[in-house]
Amino acid sequence: MTGFLALCRFVARQNDAVNGAGASRADSLAAVFGLTFLAILAVGIAAIGD
């Protein structure tokens, strides 16, 4: 999970460097959606095991 966050931060820094400061707001929103999806998936997989 921390690797995913590190990747998102790296992409955001690169995006800001290329497209100007503040360009990564959409990327951070995508990261939130991605983490939410991964959390829901993990809960679903854990529920299957019960």
N, C-alpha and C. Protein backbone atom coordinates (compact mmCIF):
# COMPACT_ATOMS: atom_id res chain seq x y z
N MET A 1 0.83 -1.20 0.00
CA MET A 1 0.00 0.00 0.00
C MET A 1 0.87 1.26 0.00
N THR A 2 1.95 1.24 0.79
CA THR A 2 2.82 2.41 0.81
C THR A 2 3.55 2.56 -0.52
N GLY A 3 3.81 1.46 -1.19
CA GLY A 3 4.41 1.53 -2.52
C GLY A 3 3.49 2.22 -3.51
N PHE A 4 2.20 1.96 -3.41
CA PHE A 4 1.22 2.60 -4.28
C PHE A 4 1.17 4.10 -4.01
N LEU A 5 1.21 4.49 -2.72
CA LEU A 5 1.21 5.90 -2.38
C LEU A 5 2.49 6.59 -2.88
N ALA A 6 3.61 5.90 -2.76
CA ALA A 6 4.87 6.47 -3.25
C ALA A 6 4.82 6.65 -4.76
N LEU A 7 4.25 5.70 -5.46
CA LEU A 7 4.10 5.82 -6.90
C LEU A 7 3.20 7.00 -7.26
N CYS A 8 2.11 7.17 -6.53
CA CYS A 8 1.20 8.30 -6.79
C CYS A 8 1.91 9.63 -6.55
N ARG A 9 2.71 9.72 -5.48
CA ARG A 9 3.45 10.95 -5.21
C ARG A 9 4.47 11.23 -6.31
N PHE A 10 5.14 10.19 -6.78
CA PHE A 10 6.14 10.35 -7.84
C PHE A 10 5.47 10.87 -9.11
N VAL A 11 4.34 10.27 -9.47
CA VAL A 11 3.62 10.69 -10.67
C VAL A 11 3.14 12.13 -10.51
N ALA A 12 2.68 12.49 -9.31
CA ALA A 12 2.20 13.85 -9.08
C ALA A 12 3.34 14.86 -9.22
N ARG A 13 4.52 14.53 -8.69
CA ARG A 13 5.67 15.44 -8.82
C ARG A 13 6.06 15.61 -10.29
N GLN A 14 6.06 14.53 -11.04
CA GLN A 14 6.40 14.61 -12.45
C GLN A 14 5.36 15.42 -13.22
N ASN A 15 4.11 15.23 -12.88
CA ASN A 15 3.02 15.96 -13.53
C ASN A 15 3.13 17.45 -13.24
N ASP A 16 3.44 17.80 -11.99
CA ASP A 16 3.61 19.21 -11.65
C ASP A 16 4.80 19.81 -12.38
N ALA A 17 5.88 19.04 -12.51
CA ALA A 17 7.07 19.56 -13.18
C ALA A 17 6.80 19.82 -14.66
N VAL A 18 6.00 18.99 -15.28
CA VAL A 18 5.74 19.13 -16.72
C VAL A 18 4.63 20.14 -16.98
N ASN A 19 3.54 20.07 -16.21
CA ASN A 19 2.35 20.86 -16.52
C ASN A 19 2.14 22.06 -15.62
N GLY A 20 3.06 22.32 -14.69
CA GLY A 20 2.91 23.48 -13.80
C GLY A 20 2.34 23.07 -12.46
N ALA A 21 2.60 23.93 -11.48
CA ALA A 21 2.16 23.64 -10.11
C ALA A 21 0.64 23.54 -10.03
N GLY A 22 0.16 22.60 -9.26
CA GLY A 22 -1.28 22.43 -9.07
C GLY A 22 -1.94 21.52 -10.09
N ALA A 23 -1.17 20.99 -11.02
CA ALA A 23 -1.75 20.14 -12.06
C ALA A 23 -2.11 18.76 -11.53
N SER A 24 -1.63 18.42 -10.35
CA SER A 24 -1.80 17.06 -9.84
C SER A 24 -3.03 16.89 -8.95
N ARG A 25 -3.89 17.87 -8.89
CA ARG A 25 -5.09 17.71 -8.07
C ARG A 25 -5.95 16.56 -8.57
N ALA A 26 -6.06 16.43 -9.88
CA ALA A 26 -6.84 15.33 -10.44
C ALA A 26 -6.16 14.00 -10.14
N ASP A 27 -4.82 13.99 -10.15
CA ASP A 27 -4.10 12.76 -9.85
C ASP A 27 -4.30 12.34 -8.40
N SER A 28 -4.34 13.30 -7.50
CA SER A 28 -4.55 12.94 -6.09
C SER A 28 -5.97 12.42 -5.89
N LEU A 29 -6.92 12.96 -6.62
CA LEU A 29 -8.28 12.45 -6.54
C LEU A 29 -8.32 11.02 -7.08
N ALA A 30 -7.59 10.75 -8.15
CA ALA A 30 -7.52 9.39 -8.69
C ALA A 30 -6.88 8.44 -7.68
N ALA A 31 -5.88 8.93 -6.94
CA ALA A 31 -5.24 8.09 -5.93
C ALA A 31 -6.22 7.74 -4.82
N VAL A 32 -7.04 8.70 -4.42
CA VAL A 32 -8.05 8.43 -3.39
C VAL A 32 -9.03 7.37 -3.89
N PHE A 33 -9.48 7.50 -5.12
CA PHE A 33 -10.39 6.49 -5.67
C PHE A 33 -9.71 5.13 -5.76
N GLY A 34 -8.45 5.12 -6.17
CA GLY A 34 -7.72 3.86 -6.27
C GLY A 34 -7.56 3.18 -4.91
N LEU A 35 -7.20 3.95 -3.89
CA LEU A 35 -7.05 3.38 -2.55
C LEU A 35 -8.38 2.88 -2.01
N THR A 36 -9.45 3.62 -2.28
CA THR A 36 -10.77 3.19 -1.85
C THR A 36 -11.15 1.87 -2.51
N PHE A 37 -10.89 1.76 -3.81
CA PHE A 37 -11.18 0.52 -4.51
C PHE A 37 -10.37 -0.64 -3.94
N LEU A 38 -9.09 -0.41 -3.66
CA LEU A 38 -8.26 -1.47 -3.10
C LEU A 38 -8.76 -1.89 -1.72
N ALA A 39 -9.21 -0.94 -0.92
CA ALA A 39 -9.74 -1.27 0.41
C ALA A 39 -11.01 -2.10 0.30
N ILE A 40 -11.90 -1.73 -0.61
CA ILE A 40 -13.14 -2.48 -0.80
C ILE A 40 -12.83 -3.89 -1.30
N LEU A 41 -11.87 -3.99 -2.20
CA LEU A 41 -11.47 -5.29 -2.72
C LEU A 41 -10.89 -6.16 -1.61
N ALA A 42 -10.08 -5.58 -0.75
CA ALA A 42 -9.50 -6.35 0.36
C ALA A 42 -10.58 -6.84 1.32
N VAL A 43 -11.56 -6.01 1.60
CA VAL A 43 -12.66 -6.43 2.48
C VAL A 43 -13.46 -7.54 1.81
N GLY A 44 -13.69 -7.43 0.52
CA GLY A 44 -14.41 -8.47 -0.20
C GLY A 44 -13.68 -9.79 -0.19
N ILE A 45 -12.37 -9.76 -0.39
CA ILE A 45 -11.58 -10.99 -0.37
C ILE A 45 -11.59 -11.59 1.04
N ALA A 46 -11.51 -10.74 2.05
CA ALA A 46 -11.55 -11.25 3.43
C ALA A 46 -12.90 -11.86 3.76
N ALA A 47 -13.97 -11.31 3.19
CA ALA A 47 -15.30 -11.85 3.44
C ALA A 47 -15.49 -13.21 2.78
N ILE A 48 -14.82 -13.42 1.66
CA ILE A 48 -14.93 -14.71 0.99
C ILE A 48 -14.31 -15.82 1.86
N GLY A 49 -13.25 -15.47 2.58
CA GLY A 49 -12.57 -16.46 3.41
C GLY A 49 -13.38 -16.90 4.61
N ASP A 50 -14.38 -16.12 5.01
CA ASP A 50 -15.18 -16.49 6.20
C ASP A 50 -16.22 -17.53 5.92
